[in-house]
Amino acid sequence: MPVTIRKILASDTGAGKPQHNQHHKLQMSAIAYSYIRPNAFEVTVSKPIIDGLAFTVPVPTPLESHVLKKLEALASESGGLADKVFAATKANKNGSTKYLRSYEMAFKQANVLVQVKPQSKTNNFLRVELNPGLLQPLELKLVWELLSGVSENQISEGMLAEEAKVTRIDVAVDILNIDPEDILIDHKFTGKTNAYFGSGGKIETVYLNKKSKGSTTYLYDKKVQAQETGKSLDAGVNQYGEAKYTRFECRVQTQKPFKKLASLKNPLTKVELVDMDGCVAPGEPHVWALFQDACRYRGLVGALKLLPTKERGEFHKVIKKSSDLLWRPDDIWVFWKNSLETNGLLLGK
């Protein structure tokens, strides 16, 4: 029987020093790497998390009406399917606006969206949207069985591996024992950056490269996000207790089949995240705190310009030294294939 090994860490709750009565647990298998900050707390950086995925499936024209009738029949059943493990219901308000009909499969922690009848014939007839990280292996298996059932067994796992097109993947990385406001974000995006602050003045969410259709890259306080959306805290948030909990997330648009997902280009290299408290601060503590605030509002270049010329080099050196601690995209992405396998997405391997 597989054994789950967890690491117990002191939780940085914002009090400024380790508290022996505050701790959290992490599965060792979920950690990519970690390091110790000057305040003696250990920061852990997770392996890639697949926080969302959408894919489309081609359906032969003669079979389209059959698939639609099957889904309509399932949606009209009051008892649901598979001994009420899940139920299908109409949910036209969700998902892609490119599809005319939508249905939901309701599971314990998350819903799976199934859409059909695209408005344009250039799109595949069927679309599925799900969060594999919130689905149990049996639940994901039921998704594959539903697709097979409504298509007279033509949509098999083998067919999905070869012919389905993954159109979107949400890749996330969890960072424990650090707040979003402690992270300096460096990037080369051309869009705007929007930051949102909590009532206490702390940064809670940062949207990068925000354009007319929104942002696909963001950094946020995971605990605050769960509380504000009114959703029950997932197992991860609960087990981390009062520890600082930051998530970086980016949405990747692609057209890869499942069998080629392992070769997806690393999207984490588009940004650099620097722990501004990762190294011992130069000079007086209050000066460093003001410099950090300037970095949050002006970026590193703008903040350095506010310093006397003779001090810029020392401050810049400390920031650059810290940049090697928190964000190592290649060391995270080496586990990408492992994340796909853990989530049951290595179809056709």
Protein backbone atom coordinates (compact mmCIF):
# COMPACT_ATOMS: atom_id res chain seq x y z
CA MET A 1 0.00 0.00 0.00
CA PRO A 2 1.44 3.44 -0.97
CA VAL A 3 2.47 5.56 1.99
CA THR A 4 1.83 9.34 2.01
CA ILE A 5 4.71 11.20 3.66
CA ARG A 6 4.01 14.72 4.91
CA LYS A 7 6.41 17.42 6.01
CA ILE A 8 5.46 19.45 9.07
CA LEU A 9 6.54 23.09 8.87
CA ALA A 10 6.29 26.09 11.17
CA SER A 11 3.66 28.49 9.80
CA ASP A 12 4.48 32.13 9.13
CA THR A 13 1.24 33.80 10.21
CA GLY A 14 2.60 37.32 9.99
CA ALA A 15 3.70 37.56 13.63
CA GLY A 16 7.34 37.95 12.56
CA LYS A 17 8.89 34.92 14.25
CA PRO A 18 8.30 31.16 14.41
CA GLN A 19 5.48 30.09 16.71
CA HIS A 20 5.68 26.51 17.91
CA ASN A 21 1.90 26.19 18.18
CA GLN A 22 1.34 27.13 14.52
CA HIS A 23 2.28 24.61 11.86
CA HIS A 24 1.05 23.11 8.60
CA LYS A 25 1.58 19.89 6.70
CA LEU A 26 2.63 19.34 3.11
CA GLN A 27 2.79 16.17 1.09
CA MET A 28 6.43 15.64 0.23
CA SER A 29 5.40 14.49 -3.24
CA ALA A 30 3.83 17.92 -3.93
CA ILE A 31 6.97 19.98 -3.24
CA ALA A 32 9.34 20.99 -6.03
CA TYR A 33 11.85 22.71 -3.71
CA SER A 34 12.11 24.91 -0.62
CA TYR A 35 14.45 27.41 1.08
CA ILE A 36 14.86 29.14 4.44
CA ARG A 37 14.23 32.87 4.79
CA PRO A 38 16.25 35.09 7.17
CA ASN A 39 13.24 35.02 9.54
CA ALA A 40 13.82 31.23 9.94
CA PHE A 41 10.63 30.17 8.14
CA GLU A 42 10.83 27.65 5.32
CA VAL A 43 9.17 28.63 2.05
CA THR A 44 7.96 25.74 -0.11
CA VAL A 45 7.26 25.91 -3.84
CA SER A 46 4.96 23.29 -5.31
CA LYS A 47 5.19 21.20 -8.43
CA PRO A 48 2.93 22.37 -11.30
CA ILE A 49 -0.77 22.22 -10.46
CA ILE A 50 -3.35 21.78 -13.21
CA ASP A 51 -6.10 24.08 -11.97
CA GLY A 52 -8.31 23.89 -15.06
CA LEU A 53 -8.46 22.33 -18.50
CA ALA A 54 -10.70 22.56 -21.56
CA PHE A 55 -10.72 20.39 -24.66
CA THR A 56 -12.85 19.92 -27.75
CA VAL A 57 -13.75 16.67 -29.47
CA PRO A 58 -14.71 16.14 -33.12
CA VAL A 59 -17.94 14.23 -33.63
CA PRO A 60 -18.94 12.76 -37.02
CA THR A 61 -21.83 14.77 -38.48
CA PRO A 62 -24.24 11.79 -38.59
CA LEU A 63 -23.62 11.24 -34.87
CA GLU A 64 -24.17 14.83 -33.72
CA SER A 65 -27.95 14.56 -33.27
CA HIS A 66 -27.52 11.31 -31.33
CA VAL A 67 -25.04 12.92 -28.91
CA LEU A 68 -27.39 15.86 -28.36
CA LYS A 69 -30.39 13.60 -27.71
CA LYS A 70 -28.41 11.53 -25.22
CA LEU A 71 -27.30 14.61 -23.29
CA GLU A 72 -30.85 16.00 -23.30
CA ALA A 73 -32.12 12.70 -21.93
CA LEU A 74 -29.54 12.74 -19.15
CA ALA A 75 -30.37 16.34 -18.26
CA SER A 76 -34.05 15.50 -17.93
CA GLU A 77 -33.52 12.54 -15.59
CA SER A 78 -34.35 13.42 -12.00
CA GLY A 79 -32.27 10.63 -10.51
CA GLY A 80 -28.98 11.35 -12.22
CA LEU A 81 -26.57 8.74 -13.47
CA ALA A 82 -24.38 5.94 -12.18
CA ASP A 83 -26.27 5.39 -8.94
CA LYS A 84 -26.48 9.16 -8.45
CA VAL A 85 -22.71 9.59 -8.31
CA PHE A 86 -23.38 12.55 -10.54
CA ALA A 87 -26.24 14.25 -12.34
CA ALA A 88 -26.40 16.15 -15.61
CA THR A 89 -28.26 19.45 -15.72
CA LYS A 90 -28.57 22.26 -18.22
CA ALA A 91 -26.20 25.14 -17.49
CA ASN A 92 -26.23 27.52 -20.44
CA LYS A 93 -24.77 30.41 -18.44
CA ASN A 94 -21.42 28.67 -18.02
CA GLY A 95 -18.50 27.83 -20.28
CA SER A 96 -17.64 29.08 -23.73
CA THR A 97 -20.08 31.42 -25.46
CA LYS A 98 -19.16 29.72 -28.73
CA TYR A 99 -21.45 26.79 -27.86
CA LEU A 100 -25.25 26.80 -27.78
CA ARG A 101 -25.98 24.01 -25.29
CA SER A 102 -24.28 23.28 -21.96
CA TYR A 103 -24.64 20.56 -19.33
CA GLU A 104 -23.04 20.05 -15.92
CA MET A 105 -21.87 16.87 -14.24
CA ALA A 106 -21.98 17.58 -10.51
CA PHE A 107 -19.30 15.91 -8.39
CA LYS A 108 -18.35 16.32 -4.73
CA GLN A 109 -15.74 19.08 -5.10
CA ALA A 110 -16.26 20.40 -8.62
CA ASN A 111 -18.52 20.34 -11.66
CA VAL A 112 -17.57 19.20 -15.14
CA LEU A 113 -19.02 21.21 -18.01
CA VAL A 114 -20.00 19.51 -21.27
CA GLN A 115 -20.98 21.72 -24.24
CA VAL A 116 -22.26 20.91 -27.73
CA LYS A 117 -23.53 22.67 -30.85
CA PRO A 118 -20.85 25.26 -31.67
CA GLN A 119 -22.04 28.45 -33.34
CA SER A 120 -19.30 28.04 -35.93
CA LYS A 121 -18.66 24.86 -37.89
CA THR A 122 -14.92 25.50 -37.57
CA ASN A 123 -15.13 24.43 -33.90
CA ASN A 124 -15.38 20.80 -32.81
CA PHE A 125 -18.92 19.71 -31.96
CA LEU A 126 -18.25 18.83 -28.31
CA ARG A 127 -16.36 20.74 -25.60
CA VAL A 128 -15.45 19.72 -22.03
CA GLU A 129 -14.21 21.96 -19.22
CA LEU A 130 -12.99 20.58 -15.88
CA ASN A 131 -10.58 20.96 -12.98
CA PRO A 132 -8.72 17.63 -12.83
CA GLY A 133 -7.15 18.46 -9.48
CA LEU A 134 -10.59 18.46 -7.82
CA LEU A 135 -11.74 15.19 -9.38
CA GLN A 136 -11.16 11.76 -7.90
CA PRO A 137 -9.84 9.09 -10.29
CA LEU A 138 -13.26 7.40 -10.30
CA GLU A 139 -14.95 10.71 -11.14
CA LEU A 140 -12.62 11.36 -14.06
CA LYS A 141 -13.29 7.83 -15.26
CA LEU A 142 -17.02 8.62 -15.20
CA VAL A 143 -16.37 11.63 -17.45
CA TRP A 144 -14.66 9.39 -20.01
CA GLU A 145 -17.52 6.88 -19.69
CA LEU A 146 -20.12 9.60 -20.29
CA LEU A 147 -18.40 10.72 -23.47
CA SER A 148 -18.22 7.13 -24.65
CA GLY A 149 -21.85 6.48 -23.75
CA VAL A 150 -23.35 9.45 -25.58
CA SER A 151 -21.29 8.75 -28.71
CA GLU A 152 -22.04 5.04 -29.14
CA ASN A 153 -18.52 4.25 -27.86
CA GLN A 154 -16.82 6.27 -30.59
CA ILE A 155 -15.24 8.70 -28.11
CA SER A 156 -12.77 6.41 -26.33
CA GLU A 157 -9.69 7.34 -24.32
CA GLY A 158 -7.59 6.33 -27.30
CA MET A 159 -9.61 8.58 -29.60
CA LEU A 160 -9.33 11.47 -27.10
CA ALA A 161 -5.54 11.04 -26.94
CA GLU A 162 -5.24 11.33 -30.72
CA GLU A 163 -8.07 13.60 -31.89
CA ALA A 164 -9.28 15.79 -29.01
CA LYS A 165 -7.70 19.27 -28.87
CA VAL A 166 -6.76 20.71 -25.49
CA THR A 167 -7.58 24.39 -25.96
CA ARG A 168 -6.79 25.75 -22.49
CA ILE A 169 -4.73 24.73 -19.49
CA ASP A 170 -4.58 26.67 -16.21
CA VAL A 171 -1.17 26.03 -14.66
CA ALA A 172 -0.71 27.03 -11.01
CA VAL A 173 2.13 26.99 -8.46
CA ASP A 174 1.49 27.19 -4.71
CA ILE A 175 3.94 29.07 -2.50
CA LEU A 176 3.63 28.57 1.26
CA ASN A 177 4.81 30.89 4.04
CA ILE A 178 4.93 33.98 1.87
CA ASP A 179 2.40 36.76 1.10
CA PRO A 180 1.75 38.18 -2.38
CA GLU A 181 2.91 41.58 -1.18
CA ASP A 182 6.33 40.14 -0.33
CA ILE A 183 6.88 39.13 -3.96
CA LEU A 184 8.40 41.45 -6.54
CA ILE A 185 7.07 40.53 -10.00
CA ASP A 186 9.32 41.18 -12.98
CA HIS A 187 8.00 40.59 -16.51
CA LYS A 188 8.09 41.86 -20.07
CA PHE A 189 4.36 41.93 -20.79
CA THR A 190 3.00 44.95 -22.68
CA GLY A 191 -0.44 45.05 -21.06
CA LYS A 192 -1.42 46.80 -17.83
CA THR A 193 -0.81 45.48 -14.33
CA ASN A 194 -3.70 45.76 -11.88
CA ALA A 195 -3.21 45.24 -8.15
CA TYR A 196 -5.98 44.89 -5.57
CA PHE A 197 -5.48 45.68 -1.90
CA GLY A 198 -7.25 44.36 1.18
CA SER A 199 -8.80 46.54 3.86
CA GLY A 200 -5.51 46.51 5.78
CA GLY A 201 -3.58 47.87 2.80
CA LYS A 202 -1.87 44.60 1.83
CA ILE A 203 -1.74 43.46 -1.79
CA GLU A 204 -4.03 40.45 -2.23
CA THR A 205 -4.20 40.01 -6.01
CA VAL A 206 -2.05 41.13 -8.95
CA TYR A 207 -3.23 40.75 -12.56
CA LEU A 208 -0.47 40.92 -15.17
CA ASN A 209 -0.74 41.84 -18.84
CA LYS A 210 -4.38 42.86 -18.48
CA LYS A 211 -5.98 43.73 -21.81
CA SER A 212 -9.52 44.08 -23.18
CA LYS A 213 -10.28 40.38 -22.60
CA GLY A 214 -8.83 40.35 -19.11
CA SER A 215 -5.66 38.78 -17.74
CA THR A 216 -4.29 35.27 -18.12
CA THR A 217 -1.49 35.63 -15.57
CA TYR A 218 -2.03 36.48 -11.91
CA LEU A 219 -0.71 36.16 -8.37
CA TYR A 220 -3.11 36.06 -5.44
CA ASP A 221 -3.72 35.19 -1.80
CA LYS A 222 -5.36 31.77 -2.04
CA LYS A 223 -7.03 31.90 1.39
CA VAL A 224 -8.56 35.31 0.76
CA GLN A 225 -9.76 34.19 -2.69
CA ALA A 226 -11.52 31.15 -1.22
CA GLN A 227 -13.21 33.26 1.46
CA GLU A 228 -14.35 36.02 -0.90
CA THR A 229 -15.84 33.66 -3.48
CA GLY A 230 -17.97 32.09 -0.78
CA LYS A 231 -16.68 28.63 -1.58
CA SER A 232 -15.81 26.16 1.15
CA LEU A 233 -12.06 26.01 1.65
CA ASP A 234 -10.56 23.03 -0.12
CA ALA A 235 -8.45 20.45 1.69
CA GLY A 236 -5.23 22.24 0.78
CA VAL A 237 -6.28 25.57 2.29
CA ASN A 238 -7.57 23.89 5.45
CA GLN A 239 -4.48 21.82 6.08
CA TYR A 240 -2.23 24.86 5.69
CA GLY A 241 -3.95 26.49 8.66
CA GLU A 242 -2.92 30.10 9.25
CA ALA A 243 0.20 29.94 7.09
CA LYS A 244 0.65 32.54 4.36
CA TYR A 245 -0.56 30.98 1.12
CA THR A 246 0.15 32.52 -2.29
CA ARG A 247 -0.75 31.06 -5.69
CA PHE A 248 0.72 31.99 -9.07
CA GLU A 249 -1.45 31.02 -12.02
CA CYS A 250 -1.30 31.38 -15.79
CA ARG A 251 -3.77 30.35 -18.48
CA VAL A 252 -2.18 28.71 -21.49
CA GLN A 253 -3.97 28.67 -24.85
CA THR A 254 -3.03 25.70 -27.00
CA GLN A 255 -4.26 23.26 -29.62
CA LYS A 256 -2.33 20.19 -28.54
CA PRO A 257 -3.78 16.67 -28.42
CA PHE A 258 -3.61 14.92 -25.05
CA LYS A 259 -0.79 12.69 -26.23
CA LYS A 260 1.46 15.75 -26.73
CA LEU A 261 0.68 17.63 -23.51
CA ALA A 262 3.91 16.43 -21.91
CA SER A 263 5.84 18.52 -24.45
CA LEU A 264 4.02 21.76 -23.56
CA LYS A 265 6.44 24.69 -23.44
CA ASN A 266 7.14 25.98 -19.94
CA PRO A 267 4.86 29.05 -19.40
CA LEU A 268 6.45 29.89 -16.04
CA THR A 269 9.51 31.46 -17.66
CA LYS A 270 7.49 34.52 -18.69
CA VAL A 271 7.81 36.02 -15.22
CA GLU A 272 10.38 36.32 -12.46
CA LEU A 273 9.18 36.28 -8.85
CA VAL A 274 11.53 37.68 -6.24
CA ASP A 275 11.15 37.17 -2.50
CA MET A 276 11.89 40.66 -1.21
CA ASP A 277 12.54 39.24 2.26
CA GLY A 278 14.60 36.31 1.00
CA CYS A 279 17.94 37.86 1.96
CA VAL A 280 19.19 40.06 4.77
CA ALA A 281 18.15 43.65 4.09
CA PRO A 282 20.84 46.32 3.65
CA GLY A 283 20.79 49.47 5.77
CA GLU A 284 18.11 50.48 8.24
CA PRO A 285 14.95 48.28 8.43
CA HIS A 286 12.61 51.23 7.85
CA VAL A 287 14.51 52.22 4.68
CA TRP A 288 14.24 48.68 3.34
CA ALA A 289 10.50 48.63 4.11
CA LEU A 290 10.02 51.87 2.18
CA PHE A 291 12.08 50.47 -0.70
CA GLN A 292 9.87 47.36 -0.77
CA ASP A 293 6.77 49.54 -0.98
CA ALA A 294 8.32 51.45 -3.87
CA CYS A 295 9.00 48.14 -5.64
CA ARG A 296 5.32 47.16 -5.29
CA TYR A 297 4.10 50.40 -6.87
CA ARG A 298 6.91 51.34 -9.26
CA GLY A 299 8.73 48.10 -10.01
CA LEU A 300 12.42 47.48 -9.32
CA VAL A 301 13.81 50.04 -11.80
CA GLY A 302 11.51 52.80 -10.54
CA ALA A 303 12.26 52.00 -6.89
CA LEU A 304 16.03 52.05 -7.43
CA LYS A 305 15.79 55.50 -9.01
CA LEU A 306 14.42 56.86 -5.72
CA LEU A 307 17.61 55.87 -3.88
CA PRO A 308 20.83 57.89 -3.73
CA THR A 309 23.09 56.75 -6.56
CA LYS A 310 25.73 55.29 -4.20
CA GLU A 311 23.15 53.01 -2.52
CA ARG A 312 21.47 51.64 -5.64
CA GLY A 313 24.10 48.98 -6.30
CA GLU A 314 23.81 47.43 -2.85
CA PHE A 315 20.01 47.29 -2.93
CA HIS A 316 20.02 45.88 -6.46
CA LYS A 317 22.53 43.21 -5.44
CA VAL A 318 20.32 42.00 -2.58
CA ILE A 319 17.27 41.78 -4.85
CA LYS A 320 19.19 39.84 -7.49
CA LYS A 321 20.49 37.43 -4.86
CA SER A 322 16.94 36.83 -3.66
CA SER A 323 15.75 36.14 -7.22
CA ASP A 324 17.62 32.82 -7.23
CA LEU A 325 15.67 31.56 -4.21
CA LEU A 326 11.95 31.74 -4.93
CA TRP A 327 11.39 31.34 -8.66
CA ARG A 328 13.15 28.56 -10.56
CA PRO A 329 10.83 27.75 -13.49
CA ASP A 330 12.95 24.94 -14.90
CA ASP A 331 13.10 23.20 -11.51
CA ILE A 332 9.31 23.38 -11.30
CA TRP A 333 8.59 22.35 -14.88
CA VAL A 334 10.69 19.19 -14.67
CA PHE A 335 7.68 17.76 -12.81
CA TRP A 336 5.13 18.69 -15.51
CA LYS A 337 4.80 15.16 -16.89
CA ASN A 338 4.40 13.88 -13.34
CA SER A 339 1.52 16.34 -12.79
CA LEU A 340 -0.21 15.12 -15.95
CA GLU A 341 0.12 11.52 -14.83
CA THR A 342 -1.09 12.26 -11.29
CA ASN A 343 -4.21 13.90 -12.73
CA GLY A 344 -4.93 11.04 -15.13
CA LEU A 345 -4.25 13.15 -18.23
CA LEU A 346 -1.47 11.14 -19.87
CA LEU A 347 -3.86 9.62 -22.39
CA GLY A 348 -2.33 7.50 -25.12
CA LYS A 349 1.03 7.17 -23.34
